[in-house]
Amino acid sequence: MSEEKKITGPSLTNTQKKYLRGLGHQLSPVVHIGKEGIVAPVIAAIDNALQAHELIKVKINNNSSVDKHDAARIIPEQSGATLVMLIGKTLLIYRPNKDKKKEERIRLPSSDKCHSESRKR
């Protein structure tokens, strides 16, 4: 992969990750990693899916030689996404799309707002 593609995704608070995990629960994997491993077409498919959906699941098939922890490191690096969760051989990743209309984007909860409300109680 090219060095220019290695971009870190947005950093997320635990509250935001919890919110995204809730949204991701109902999702099905849209990209599958097979015996070829993490190759350029797989990264391109992940990039296209993130562009369209912002939050996606990526499944590492049983016939793949890719270690799930390596995939959890490589895929976010190469796609500019943030790993939200790794459970089994399924990754949940998030990358906001600034080109989408505001009402179509995933709205993350503000961590400051959550903390300030809990302190008032």
PDB file of N, CA and C in Angstrom:
ATOM      1  N   MET A   1       0.830  -1.182   0.000  1.00  0.00           N
ATOM      2  CA  MET A   1       0.000   0.000   0.000  1.00  0.00           C
ATOM      3  C   MET A   1       0.875   1.246   0.000  1.00  0.00           C
ATOM      4  N   SER A   2       0.348   2.306  -0.504  1.00  0.00           N
ATOM      5  CA  SER A   2       1.120   3.539  -0.577  1.00  0.00           C
ATOM      6  C   SER A   2       1.161   4.217   0.784  1.00  0.00           C
ATOM      7  N   GLU A   3       2.236   4.926   1.029  1.00  0.00           N
ATOM      8  CA  GLU A   3       2.412   5.613   2.300  1.00  0.00           C
ATOM      9  C   GLU A   3       1.377   6.709   2.506  1.00  0.00           C
ATOM     10  N   GLU A   4       0.932   7.354   1.419  1.00  0.00           N
ATOM     11  CA  GLU A   4      -0.018   8.449   1.554  1.00  0.00           C
ATOM     12  C   GLU A   4      -1.386   7.973   2.029  1.00  0.00           C
ATOM     13  N   LYS A   5      -1.709   6.685   1.881  1.00  0.00           N
ATOM     14  CA  LYS A   5      -2.990   6.140   2.310  1.00  0.00           C
ATOM     15  C   LYS A   5      -3.042   5.931   3.823  1.00  0.00           C
ATOM     16  N   LYS A   6      -1.891   5.911   4.486  1.00  0.00           N
ATOM     17  CA  LYS A   6      -1.864   5.644   5.914  1.00  0.00           C
ATOM     18  C   LYS A   6      -2.270   6.888   6.690  1.00  0.00           C
ATOM     19  N   ILE A   7      -3.557   6.992   6.929  1.00  0.00           N
ATOM     20  CA  ILE A   7      -4.134   8.130   7.631  1.00  0.00           C
ATOM     21  C   ILE A   7      -4.864   7.568   8.843  1.00  0.00           C
ATOM     22  N   THR A   8      -4.724   8.218   9.969  1.00  0.00           N
ATOM     23  CA  THR A   8      -5.450   7.739  11.135  1.00  0.00           C
ATOM     24  C   THR A   8      -6.863   8.279  11.111  1.00  0.00           C
ATOM     25  N   GLY A   9      -7.780   7.464  11.571  1.00  0.00           N
ATOM     26  CA  GLY A   9      -9.176   7.864  11.630  1.00  0.00           C
ATOM     27  C   GLY A   9      -9.417   8.772  12.822  1.00  0.00           C
ATOM     28  N   PRO A  10     -10.650   9.229  12.968  1.00  0.00           N
ATOM     29  CA  PRO A  10     -10.970  10.116  14.079  1.00  0.00           C
ATOM     30  C   PRO A  10     -10.849   9.367  15.405  1.00  0.00           C
ATOM     31  N   SER A  11     -10.378  10.055  16.438  1.00  0.00           N
ATOM     32  CA  SER A  11     -10.336   9.415  17.747  1.00  0.00           C
ATOM     33  C   SER A  11     -11.729   9.527  18.359  1.00  0.00           C
ATOM     34  N   LEU A  12     -12.151   8.457  18.987  1.00  0.00           N
ATOM     35  CA  LEU A  12     -13.499   8.390  19.541  1.00  0.00           C
ATOM     36  C   LEU A  12     -13.441   8.186  21.045  1.00  0.00           C
ATOM     37  N   THR A  13     -14.391   8.783  21.738  1.00  0.00           N
ATOM     38  CA  THR A  13     -14.506   8.562  23.177  1.00  0.00           C
ATOM     39  C   THR A  13     -15.207   7.226  23.406  1.00  0.00           C
ATOM     40  N   ASN A  14     -15.164   6.743  24.628  1.00  0.00           N
ATOM     41  CA  ASN A  14     -15.848   5.492  24.946  1.00  0.00           C
ATOM     42  C   ASN A  14     -17.353   5.612  24.719  1.00  0.00           C
ATOM     43  N   THR A  15     -17.913   6.777  25.016  1.00  0.00           N
ATOM     44  CA  THR A  15     -19.341   7.022  24.798  1.00  0.00           C
ATOM     45  C   THR A  15     -19.681   6.916  23.316  1.00  0.00           C
ATOM     46  N   GLN A  16     -18.850   7.494  22.478  1.00  0.00           N
ATOM     47  CA  GLN A  16     -19.083   7.446  21.038  1.00  0.00           C
ATOM     48  C   GLN A  16     -18.929   6.024  20.506  1.00  0.00           C
ATOM     49  N   LYS A  17     -17.931   5.287  21.008  1.00  0.00           N
ATOM     50  CA  LYS A  17     -17.753   3.895  20.589  1.00  0.00           C
ATOM     51  C   LYS A  17     -18.957   3.048  20.999  1.00  0.00           C
ATOM     52  N   LYS A  18     -19.462   3.278  22.191  1.00  0.00           N
ATOM     53  CA  LYS A  18     -20.632   2.543  22.659  1.00  0.00           C
ATOM     54  C   LYS A  18     -21.832   2.819  21.754  1.00  0.00           C
ATOM     55  N   TYR A  19     -22.013   4.067  21.373  1.00  0.00           N
ATOM     56  CA  TYR A  19     -23.102   4.455  20.475  1.00  0.00           C
ATOM     57  C   TYR A  19     -22.956   3.757  19.116  1.00  0.00           C
ATOM     58  N   LEU A  20     -21.739   3.762  18.570  1.00  0.00           N
ATOM     59  CA  LEU A  20     -21.493   3.124  17.272  1.00  0.00           C
ATOM     60  C   LEU A  20     -21.660   1.604  17.349  1.00  0.00           C
ATOM     61  N   ARG A  21     -21.267   1.000  18.468  1.00  0.00           N
ATOM     62  CA  ARG A  21     -21.477  -0.442  18.641  1.00  0.00           C
ATOM     63  C   ARG A  21     -22.968  -0.766  18.594  1.00  0.00           C
ATOM     64  N   GLY A  22     -23.774   0.105  19.200  1.00  0.00           N
ATOM     65  CA  GLY A  22     -25.224  -0.080  19.155  1.00  0.00           C
ATOM     66  C   GLY A  22     -25.760  -0.009  17.736  1.00  0.00           C
ATOM     67  N   LEU A  23     -25.269   0.950  16.964  1.00  0.00           N
ATOM     68  CA  LEU A  23     -25.689   1.062  15.560  1.00  0.00           C
ATOM     69  C   LEU A  23     -25.200  -0.127  14.737  1.00  0.00           C
ATOM     70  N   GLY A  24     -24.007  -0.596  15.049  1.00  0.00           N
ATOM     71  CA  GLY A  24     -23.394  -1.669  14.276  1.00  0.00           C
ATOM     72  C   GLY A  24     -23.955  -3.047  14.567  1.00  0.00           C
ATOM     73  N   HIS A  25     -24.655  -3.180  15.679  1.00  0.00           N
ATOM     74  CA  HIS A  25     -25.180  -4.491  16.073  1.00  0.00           C
ATOM     75  C   HIS A  25     -26.040  -5.118  14.980  1.00  0.00           C
ATOM     76  N   GLN A  26     -26.860  -4.334  14.323  1.00  0.00           N
ATOM     77  CA  GLN A  26     -27.785  -4.853  13.313  1.00  0.00           C
ATOM     78  C   GLN A  26     -27.159  -5.000  11.926  1.00  0.00           C
ATOM     79  N   LEU A  27     -25.949  -4.512  11.741  1.00  0.00           N
ATOM     80  CA  LEU A  27     -25.313  -4.552  10.423  1.00  0.00           C
ATOM     81  C   LEU A  27     -24.792  -5.945  10.077  1.00  0.00           C
ATOM     82  N   SER A  28     -24.798  -6.237   8.804  1.00  0.00           N
ATOM     83  CA  SER A  28     -24.158  -7.447   8.282  1.00  0.00           C
ATOM     84  C   SER A  28     -22.828  -7.033   7.659  1.00  0.00           C
ATOM     85  N   PRO A  29     -21.846  -7.935   7.639  1.00  0.00           N
ATOM     86  CA  PRO A  29     -20.576  -7.592   6.998  1.00  0.00           C
ATOM     87  C   PRO A  29     -20.771  -7.258   5.520  1.00  0.00           C
ATOM     88  N   VAL A  30     -20.149  -6.176   5.073  1.00  0.00           N
ATOM     89  CA  VAL A  30     -20.253  -5.770   3.670  1.00  0.00           C
ATOM     90  C   VAL A  30     -18.985  -6.102   2.891  1.00  0.00           C
ATOM     91  N   VAL A  31     -17.897  -6.367   3.594  1.00  0.00           N
ATOM     92  CA  VAL A  31     -16.638  -6.758   2.952  1.00  0.00           C
ATOM     93  C   VAL A  31     -16.141  -8.019   3.655  1.00  0.00           C
ATOM     94  N   HIS A  32     -15.713  -8.995   2.856  1.00  0.00           N
ATOM     95  CA  HIS A  32     -15.169 -10.244   3.383  1.00  0.00           C
ATOM     96  C   HIS A  32     -13.720 -10.368   2.934  1.00  0.00           C
ATOM     97  N   ILE A  33     -12.861 -10.752   3.874  1.00  0.00           N
ATOM     98  CA  ILE A  33     -11.450 -10.964   3.562  1.00  0.00           C
ATOM     99  C   ILE A  33     -11.245 -12.465   3.401  1.00  0.00           C
ATOM    100  N   GLY A  34     -10.812 -12.866   2.215  1.00  0.00           N
ATOM    101  CA  GLY A  34     -10.640 -14.278   1.902  1.00  0.00           C
ATOM    102  C   GLY A  34      -9.191 -14.708   1.922  1.00  0.00           C
ATOM    103  N   LYS A  35      -8.906 -15.757   1.156  1.00  0.00           N
ATOM    104  CA  LYS A  35      -7.563 -16.347   1.167  1.00  0.00           C
ATOM    105  C   LYS A  35      -6.500 -15.425   0.589  1.00  0.00           C
ATOM    106  N   GLU A  36      -6.895 -14.437  -0.212  1.00  0.00           N
ATOM    107  CA  GLU A  36      -5.935 -13.482  -0.775  1.00  0.00           C
ATOM    108  C   GLU A  36      -5.404 -12.516   0.290  1.00  0.00           C
ATOM    109  N   GLY A  37      -6.135 -12.363   1.375  1.00  0.00           N
ATOM    110  CA  GLY A  37      -5.707 -11.475   2.453  1.00  0.00           C
ATOM    111  C   GLY A  37      -6.115 -10.035   2.208  1.00  0.00           C
ATOM    112  N   ILE A  38      -5.403  -9.131   2.834  1.00  0.00           N
ATOM    113  CA  ILE A  38      -5.704  -7.702   2.724  1.00  0.00           C
ATOM    114  C   ILE A  38      -4.908  -7.143   1.550  1.00  0.00           C
ATOM    115  N   VAL A  39      -5.525  -7.162   0.390  1.00  0.00           N
ATOM    116  CA  VAL A  39      -4.898  -6.683  -0.842  1.00  0.00           C
ATOM    117  C   VAL A  39      -5.590  -5.397  -1.284  1.00  0.00           C
ATOM    118  N   ALA A  40      -5.022  -4.747  -2.285  1.00  0.00           N
ATOM    119  CA  ALA A  40      -5.539  -3.452  -2.753  1.00  0.00           C
ATOM    120  C   ALA A  40      -7.035  -3.471  -3.085  1.00  0.00           C
ATOM    121  N   PRO A  41      -7.552  -4.498  -3.776  1.00  0.00           N
ATOM    122  CA  PRO A  41      -8.997  -4.497  -4.055  1.00  0.00           C
ATOM    123  C   PRO A  41      -9.862  -4.564  -2.789  1.00  0.00           C
ATOM    124  N   VAL A  42      -9.370  -5.238  -1.760  1.00  0.00           N
ATOM    125  CA  VAL A  42     -10.111  -5.306  -0.496  1.00  0.00           C
ATOM    126  C   VAL A  42     -10.144  -3.930   0.159  1.00  0.00           C
ATOM    127  N   ILE A  43      -9.011  -3.249   0.189  1.00  0.00           N
ATOM    128  CA  ILE A  43      -8.957  -1.894   0.757  1.00  0.00           C
ATOM    129  C   ILE A  43      -9.848  -0.953  -0.049  1.00  0.00           C
ATOM    130  N   ALA A  44      -9.867  -1.102  -1.368  1.00  0.00           N
ATOM    131  CA  ALA A  44     -10.735  -0.272  -2.215  1.00  0.00           C
ATOM    132  C   ALA A  44     -12.208  -0.536  -1.907  1.00  0.00           C
ATOM    133  N   ALA A  45     -12.564  -1.796  -1.693  1.00  0.00           N
ATOM    134  CA  ALA A  45     -13.949  -2.140  -1.351  1.00  0.00           C
ATOM    135  C   ALA A  45     -14.332  -1.560   0.008  1.00  0.00           C
ATOM    136  N   ILE A  46     -13.411  -1.623   0.957  1.00  0.00           N
ATOM    137  CA  ILE A  46     -13.653  -1.038   2.280  1.00  0.00           C
ATOM    138  C   ILE A  46     -13.819   0.468   2.155  1.00  0.00           C
ATOM    139  N   ASP A  47     -12.959   1.101   1.375  1.00  0.00           N
ATOM    140  CA  ASP A  47     -13.031   2.549   1.163  1.00  0.00           C
ATOM    141  C   ASP A  47     -14.378   2.947   0.552  1.00  0.00           C
ATOM    142  N   ASN A  48     -14.819   2.207  -0.463  1.00  0.00           N
ATOM    143  CA  ASN A  48     -16.109   2.492  -1.103  1.00  0.00           C
ATOM    144  C   ASN A  48     -17.271   2.301  -0.133  1.00  0.00           C
ATOM    145  N   ALA A  49     -17.213   1.241   0.664  1.00  0.00           N
ATOM    146  CA  ALA A  49     -18.282   0.977   1.629  1.00  0.00           C
ATOM    147  C   ALA A  49     -18.327   2.055   2.710  1.00  0.00           C
ATOM    148  N   LEU A  50     -17.160   2.497   3.176  1.00  0.00           N
ATOM    149  CA  LEU A  50     -17.117   3.570   4.174  1.00  0.00           C
ATOM    150  C   LEU A  50     -17.630   4.880   3.597  1.00  0.00           C
ATOM    151  N   GLN A  51     -17.331   5.124   2.343  1.00  0.00           N
ATOM    152  CA  GLN A  51     -17.807   6.335   1.670  1.00  0.00           C
ATOM    153  C   GLN A  51     -19.338   6.350   1.634  1.00  0.00           C
ATOM    154  N   ALA A  52     -19.920   5.192   1.413  1.00  0.00           N
ATOM    155  CA  ALA A  52     -21.377   5.095   1.301  1.00  0.00           C
ATOM    156  C   ALA A  52     -22.082   5.008   2.653  1.00  0.00           C
ATOM    157  N   HIS A  53     -21.474   4.314   3.619  1.00  0.00           N
ATOM    158  CA  HIS A  53     -22.188   3.995   4.861  1.00  0.00           C
ATOM    159  C   HIS A  53     -21.601   4.580   6.141  1.00  0.00           C
ATOM    160  N   GLU A  54     -20.350   4.973   6.154  1.00  0.00           N
ATOM    161  CA  GLU A  54     -19.621   5.501   7.316  1.00  0.00           C
ATOM    162  C   GLU A  54     -19.297   4.440   8.372  1.00  0.00           C
ATOM    163  N   LEU A  55     -20.211   3.536   8.653  1.00  0.00           N
ATOM    164  CA  LEU A  55     -20.010   2.488   9.660  1.00  0.00           C
ATOM    165  C   LEU A  55     -20.250   1.142   8.983  1.00  0.00           C
ATOM    166  N   ILE A  56     -19.226   0.283   8.986  1.00  0.00           N
ATOM    167  CA  ILE A  56     -19.354  -1.011   8.306  1.00  0.00           C
ATOM    168  C   ILE A  56     -18.723  -2.126   9.132  1.00  0.00           C
ATOM    169  N   LYS A  57     -19.148  -3.342   8.807  1.00  0.00           N
ATOM    170  CA  LYS A  57     -18.515  -4.531   9.364  1.00  0.00           C
ATOM    171  C   LYS A  57     -17.675  -5.187   8.274  1.00  0.00           C
ATOM    172  N   VAL A  58     -16.508  -5.669   8.674  1.00  0.00           N
ATOM    173  CA  VAL A  58     -15.611  -6.405   7.786  1.00  0.00           C
ATOM    174  C   VAL A  58     -15.386  -7.771   8.423  1.00  0.00           C
ATOM    175  N   LYS A  59     -15.637  -8.820   7.668  1.00  0.00           N
ATOM    176  CA  LYS A  59     -15.512 -10.191   8.167  1.00  0.00           C
ATOM    177  C   LYS A  59     -14.267 -10.852   7.594  1.00  0.00           C
ATOM    178  N   ILE A  60     -13.488 -11.481   8.468  1.00  0.00           N
ATOM    179  CA  ILE A  60     -12.328 -12.262   8.040  1.00  0.00           C
ATOM    180  C   ILE A  60     -12.803 -13.708   7.919  1.00  0.00           C
ATOM    181  N   ASN A  61     -12.836 -14.218   6.711  1.00  0.00           N
ATOM    182  CA  ASN A  61     -13.319 -15.582   6.478  1.00  0.00           C
ATOM    183  C   ASN A  61     -12.372 -16.610   7.085  1.00  0.00           C
ATOM    184  N   ASN A  62     -12.902 -17.795   7.347  1.00  0.00           N
ATOM    185  CA  ASN A  62     -12.102 -18.863   7.951  1.00  0.00           C
ATOM    186  C   ASN A  62     -10.959 -19.324   7.062  1.00  0.00           C
ATOM    187  N   ASN A  63     -11.098 -19.172   5.733  1.00  0.00           N
ATOM    188  CA  ASN A  63     -10.032 -19.608   4.823  1.00  0.00           C
ATOM    189  C   ASN A  63      -8.929 -18.561   4.673  1.00  0.00           C
ATOM    190  N   SER A  64      -9.051 -17.451   5.372  1.00  0.00           N
ATOM    191  CA  SER A  64      -8.051 -16.387   5.287  1.00  0.00           C
ATOM    192  C   SER A  64      -6.886 -16.665   6.230  1.00  0.00           C
ATOM    193  N   SER A  65      -5.696 -16.338   5.775  1.00  0.00           N
ATOM    194  CA  SER A  65      -4.513 -16.515   6.617  1.00  0.00           C
ATOM    195  C   SER A  65      -4.220 -15.267   7.451  1.00  0.00           C
ATOM    196  N   VAL A  66      -5.068 -14.255   7.336  1.00  0.00           N
ATOM    197  CA  VAL A  66      -4.862 -12.991   8.043  1.00  0.00           C
ATOM    198  C   VAL A  66      -5.237 -13.146   9.511  1.00  0.00           C
ATOM    199  N   ASP A  67      -4.342 -12.739  10.399  1.00  0.00           N
ATOM    200  CA  ASP A  67      -4.616 -12.718  11.829  1.00  0.00           C
ATOM    201  C   ASP A  67      -5.571 -11.564  12.124  1.00  0.00           C
ATOM    202  N   LYS A  68      -6.559 -11.800  12.971  1.00  0.00           N
ATOM    203  CA  LYS A  68      -7.565 -10.769  13.233  1.00  0.00           C
ATOM    204  C   LYS A  68      -6.966  -9.518  13.874  1.00  0.00           C
ATOM    205  N   HIS A  69      -5.953  -9.673  14.683  1.00  0.00           N
ATOM    206  CA  HIS A  69      -5.330  -8.507  15.319  1.00  0.00           C
ATOM    207  C   HIS A  69      -4.513  -7.692  14.309  1.00  0.00           C
ATOM    208  N   ASP A  70      -3.880  -8.388  13.372  1.00  0.00           N
ATOM    209  CA  ASP A  70      -3.175  -7.682  12.294  1.00  0.00           C
ATOM    210  C   ASP A  70      -4.168  -6.921  11.429  1.00  0.00           C
ATOM    211  N   ALA A  71      -5.292  -7.558  11.121  1.00  0.00           N
ATOM    212  CA  ALA A  71      -6.330  -6.898  10.316  1.00  0.00           C
ATOM    213  C   ALA A  71      -6.881  -5.675  11.044  1.00  0.00           C
ATOM    214  N   ALA A  72      -7.049  -5.787  12.361  1.00  0.00           N
ATOM    215  CA  ALA A  72      -7.578  -4.674  13.158  1.00  0.00           C
ATOM    216  C   ALA A  72      -6.616  -3.489  13.178  1.00  0.00           C
ATOM    217  N   ARG A  73      -5.351  -3.741  12.913  1.00  0.00           N
ATOM    218  CA  ARG A  73      -4.362  -2.664  12.841  1.00  0.00           C
ATOM    219  C   ARG A  73      -4.221  -2.141  11.411  1.00  0.00           C
ATOM    220  N   ILE A  74      -4.128  -3.048  10.445  1.00  0.00           N
ATOM    221  CA  ILE A  74      -3.844  -2.674   9.054  1.00  0.00           C
ATOM    222  C   ILE A  74      -5.023  -1.974   8.379  1.00  0.00           C
ATOM    223  N   ILE A  75      -6.215  -2.519   8.528  1.00  0.00           N
ATOM    224  CA  ILE A  75      -7.378  -1.966   7.822  1.00  0.00           C
ATOM    225  C   ILE A  75      -7.647  -0.508   8.205  1.00  0.00           C
ATOM    226  N   PRO A  76      -7.699  -0.159   9.492  1.00  0.00           N
ATOM    227  CA  PRO A  76      -7.890   1.264   9.811  1.00  0.00           C
ATOM    228  C   PRO A  76      -6.758   2.159   9.296  1.00  0.00           C
ATOM    229  N   GLU A  77      -5.524   1.674   9.350  1.00  0.00           N
ATOM    230  CA  GLU A  77      -4.394   2.458   8.827  1.00  0.00           C
ATOM    231  C   GLU A  77      -4.556   2.738   7.342  1.00  0.00           C
ATOM    232  N   GLN A  78      -4.914   1.712   6.586  1.00  0.00           N
ATOM    233  CA  GLN A  78      -4.989   1.840   5.136  1.00  0.00           C
ATOM    234  C   GLN A  78      -6.243   2.562   4.652  1.00  0.00           C
ATOM    235  N   SER A  79      -7.305   2.534   5.449  1.00  0.00           N
ATOM    236  CA  SER A  79      -8.571   3.133   5.014  1.00  0.00           C
ATOM    237  C   SER A  79      -8.858   4.484   5.659  1.00  0.00           C
ATOM    238  N   GLY A  80      -8.055   4.870   6.647  1.00  0.00           N
ATOM    239  CA  GLY A  80      -8.308   6.129   7.343  1.00  0.00           C
ATOM    240  C   GLY A  80      -9.499   6.053   8.281  1.00  0.00           C
ATOM    241  N   ALA A  81      -9.855   4.842   8.676  1.00  0.00           N
ATOM    242  CA  ALA A  81     -11.005   4.633   9.556  1.00  0.00           C
ATOM    243  C   ALA A  81     -10.540   4.414  10.990  1.00  0.00           C
ATOM    244  N   THR A  82     -11.508   4.303  11.876  1.00  0.00           N
ATOM    245  CA  THR A  82     -11.244   4.012  13.277  1.00  0.00           C
ATOM    246  C   THR A  82     -11.869   2.672  13.620  1.00  0.00           C
ATOM    247  N   LEU A  83     -11.108   1.824  14.292  1.00  0.00           N
ATOM    248  CA  LEU A  83     -11.647   0.554  14.759  1.00  0.00           C
ATOM    249  C   LEU A  83     -12.558   0.836  15.947  1.00  0.00           C
ATOM    250  N   VAL A  84     -13.809   0.432  15.830  1.00  0.00           N
ATOM    251  CA  VAL A  84     -14.768   0.605  16.916  1.00  0.00           C
ATOM    252  C   VAL A  84     -14.778  -0.642  17.784  1.00  0.00           C
ATOM    253  N   MET A  85     -14.738  -1.820  17.121  1.00  0.00           N
ATOM    254  CA  MET A  85     -14.845  -3.068  17.856  1.00  0.00           C
ATOM    255  C   MET A  85     -14.283  -4.213  17.022  1.00  0.00           C
ATOM    256  N   LEU A  86     -13.677  -5.158  17.709  1.00  0.00           N
ATOM    257  CA  LEU A  86     -13.245  -6.416  17.099  1.00  0.00           C
ATOM    258  C   LEU A  86     -13.857  -7.523  17.933  1.00  0.00           C
ATOM    259  N   ILE A  87     -14.744  -8.284  17.326  1.00  0.00           N
ATOM    260  CA  ILE A  87     -15.359  -9.398  18.039  1.00  0.00           C
ATOM    261  C   ILE A  87     -15.279 -10.627  17.141  1.00  0.00           C
ATOM    262  N   GLY A  88     -14.622 -11.646  17.635  1.00  0.00           N
ATOM    263  CA  GLY A  88     -14.366 -12.820  16.805  1.00  0.00           C
ATOM    264  C   GLY A  88     -13.504 -12.416  15.630  1.00  0.00           C
ATOM    265  N   LYS A  89     -13.976 -12.712  14.435  1.00  0.00           N
ATOM    266  CA  LYS A  89     -13.247 -12.330  13.222  1.00  0.00           C
ATOM    267  C   LYS A  89     -13.990 -11.242  12.460  1.00  0.00           C
ATOM    268  N   THR A  90     -14.736 -10.425  13.187  1.00  0.00           N
ATOM    269  CA  THR A  90     -15.498  -9.337  12.580  1.00  0.00           C
ATOM    270  C   THR A  90     -15.046  -8.006  13.167  1.00  0.00           C
ATOM    271  N   LEU A  91     -14.715  -7.078  12.268  1.00  0.00           N
ATOM    272  CA  LEU A  91     -14.315  -5.735  12.673  1.00  0.00           C
ATOM    273  C   LEU A  91     -15.463  -4.778  12.392  1.00  0.00           C
ATOM    274  N   LEU A  92     -15.685  -3.852  13.301  1.00  0.00           N
ATOM    275  CA  LEU A  92     -16.622  -2.757  13.080  1.00  0.00           C
ATOM    276  C   LEU A  92     -15.765  -1.507  12.972  1.00  0.00           C
ATOM    277  N   ILE A  93     -15.827  -0.830  11.819  1.00  0.00           N
ATOM    278  CA  ILE A  93     -14.998   0.355  11.603  1.00  0.00           C
ATOM    279  C   ILE A  93     -15.858   1.541  11.190  1.00  0.00           C
ATOM    280  N   TYR A  94     -15.362   2.727  11.530  1.00  0.00           N
ATOM    281  CA  TYR A  94     -16.100   3.974  11.292  1.00  0.00           C
ATOM    282  C   TYR A  94     -15.182   5.012  10.663  1.00  0.00           C
ATOM    283  N   ARG A  95     -15.721   5.698   9.668  1.00  0.00           N
ATOM    284  CA  ARG A  95     -15.040   6.851   9.086  1.00  0.00           C
ATOM    285  C   ARG A  95     -16.118   7.829   8.624  1.00  0.00           C
ATOM    286  N   PRO A  96     -16.138   9.033   9.203  1.00  0.00           N
ATOM    287  CA  PRO A  96     -17.163   9.998   8.787  1.00  0.00           C
ATOM    288  C   PRO A  96     -16.963  10.430   7.343  1.00  0.00           C
ATOM    289  N   ASN A  97     -18.071  10.738   6.687  1.00  0.00           N
ATOM    290  CA  ASN A  97     -18.039  11.192   5.299  1.00  0.00           C
ATOM    291  C   ASN A  97     -18.529  12.631   5.263  1.00  0.00           C
ATOM    292  N   LYS A  98     -17.614  13.556   5.122  1.00  0.00           N
ATOM    293  CA  LYS A  98     -17.954  14.986   5.111  1.00  0.00           C
ATOM    294  C   LYS A  98     -18.703  15.388   3.846  1.00  0.00           C
ATOM    295  N   ASP A  99     -18.678  14.540   2.807  1.00  0.00           N
ATOM    296  CA  ASP A  99     -19.369  14.848   1.556  1.00  0.00           C
ATOM    297  C   ASP A  99     -20.866  14.552   1.623  1.00  0.00           C
ATOM    298  N   LYS A 100     -21.277  13.760   2.606  1.00  0.00           N
ATOM    299  CA  LYS A 100     -22.699  13.451   2.748  1.00  0.00           C
ATOM    300  C   LYS A 100     -23.444  14.663   3.296  1.00  0.00           C
ATOM    301  N   LYS A 101     -24.727  14.727   2.983  1.00  0.00           N
ATOM    302  CA  LYS A 101     -25.563  15.775   3.560  1.00  0.00           C
ATOM    303  C   LYS A 101     -25.584  15.595   5.071  1.00  0.00           C
ATOM    304  N   LYS A 102     -25.676  16.688   5.793  1.00  0.00           N
ATOM    305  CA  LYS A 102     -25.592  16.648   7.249  1.00  0.00           C
ATOM    306  C   LYS A 102     -26.617  15.688   7.860  1.00  0.00           C
ATOM    307  N   GLU A 103     -27.829  15.689   7.324  1.00  0.00           N
ATOM    308  CA  GLU A 103     -28.882  14.833   7.881  1.00  0.00           C
ATOM    309  C   GLU A 103     -28.675  13.349   7.559  1.00  0.00           C
ATOM    310  N   GLU A 104     -27.794  13.034   6.619  1.00  0.00           N
ATOM    311  CA  GLU A 104     -27.517  11.640   6.261  1.00  0.00           C
ATOM    312  C   GLU A 104     -26.324  11.066   7.019  1.00  0.00           C
ATOM    313  N   ARG A 105     -25.565  11.921   7.686  1.00  0.00           N
ATOM    314  CA  ARG A 105     -24.375  11.472   8.418  1.00  0.00           C
ATOM    315  C   ARG A 105     -24.753  10.875   9.770  1.00  0.00           C
ATOM    316  N   ILE A 106     -23.881  10.032  10.279  1.00  0.00           N
ATOM    317  CA  ILE A 106     -24.050   9.512  11.634  1.00  0.00           C
ATOM    318  C   ILE A 106     -23.702  10.638  12.599  1.00  0.00           C
ATOM    319  N   ARG A 107     -24.605  10.911  13.517  1.00  0.00           N
ATOM    320  CA  ARG A 107     -24.366  11.954  14.522  1.00  0.00           C
ATOM    321  C   ARG A 107     -23.867  11.292  15.804  1.00  0.00           C
ATOM    322  N   LEU A 108     -22.632  11.568  16.127  1.00  0.00           N
ATOM    323  CA  LEU A 108     -22.044  10.999  17.332  1.00  0.00           C
ATOM    324  C   LEU A 108     -22.437  11.826  18.545  1.00  0.00           C
ATOM    325  N   PRO A 109     -22.668  11.167  19.687  1.00  0.00           N
ATOM    326  CA  PRO A 109     -22.951  11.931  20.901  1.00  0.00           C
ATOM    327  C   PRO A 109     -21.706  12.692  21.338  1.00  0.00           C
ATOM    328  N   SER A 110     -21.920  13.845  21.907  1.00  0.00           N
ATOM    329  CA  SER A 110     -20.810  14.643  22.414  1.00  0.00           C
ATOM    330  C   SER A 110     -20.436  14.124  23.791  1.00  0.00           C
ATOM    331  N   SER A 111     -19.174  13.808  23.983  1.00  0.00           N
ATOM    332  CA  SER A 111     -18.737  13.276  25.275  1.00  0.00           C
ATOM    333  C   SER A 111     -18.817  14.337  26.360  1.00  0.00           C
ATOM    334  N   ASP A 112     -18.562  15.592  26.017  1.00  0.00           N
ATOM    335  CA  ASP A 112     -18.626  16.673  26.997  1.00  0.00           C
ATOM    336  C   ASP A 112     -20.037  16.813  27.547  1.00  0.00           C
ATOM    337  N   LYS A 113     -21.019  16.710  26.666  1.00  0.00           N
ATOM    338  CA  LYS A 113     -22.409  16.850  27.053  1.00  0.00           C
ATOM    339  C   LYS A 113     -22.807  15.736  28.025  1.00  0.00           C
ATOM    340  N   CYS A 114     -22.389  14.513  27.736  1.00  0.00           N
ATOM    341  CA  CYS A 114     -22.736  13.375  28.585  1.00  0.00           C
ATOM    342  C   CYS A 114     -22.134  13.517  29.971  1.00  0.00           C
ATOM    343  N   HIS A 115     -20.873  13.946  30.039  1.00  0.00           N
ATOM    344  CA  HIS A 115     -20.210  14.090  31.331  1.00  0.00           C
ATOM    345  C   HIS A 115     -20.811  15.227  32.140  1.00  0.00           C
ATOM    346  N   SER A 116     -21.137  16.336  31.494  1.00  0.00           N
ATOM    347  CA  SER A 116     -21.669  17.478  32.231  1.00  0.00           C
ATOM    348  C   SER A 116     -23.068  17.177  32.758  1.00  0.00           C
ATOM    349  N   GLU A 117     -23.882  16.406  32.009  1.00  0.00           N
ATOM    350  CA  GLU A 117     -25.217  16.056  32.475  1.00  0.00           C
ATOM    351  C   GLU A 117     -25.148  15.106  33.657  1.00  0.00           C
ATOM    352  N   SER A 118     -24.215  14.162  33.642  1.00  0.00           N
ATOM    353  CA  SER A 118     -24.123  13.206  34.742  1.00  0.00           C
ATOM    354  C   SER A 118     -23.617  13.877  36.014  1.00  0.00           C
ATOM    355  N   ARG A 119     -22.839  14.931  35.885  1.00  0.00           N
ATOM    356  CA  ARG A 119     -22.346  15.650  37.059  1.00  0.00           C
ATOM    357  C   ARG A 119     -23.442  16.480  37.716  1.00  0.00           C
ATOM    358  N   LYS A 120     -24.440  16.898  36.944  1.00  0.00           N
ATOM    359  CA  LYS A 120     -25.513  17.733  37.474  1.00  0.00           C
ATOM    360  C   LYS A 120     -26.460  16.937  38.364  1.00  0.00           C
ATOM    361  N   ARG A 121     -26.502  15.625  38.213  1.00  0.00           N
ATOM    362  CA  ARG A 121     -27.466  14.794  38.956  1.00  0.00           C
ATOM    363  C   ARG A 121     -27.072  14.575  40.375  1.00  0.00           C
TER     364      ARG A 121
END
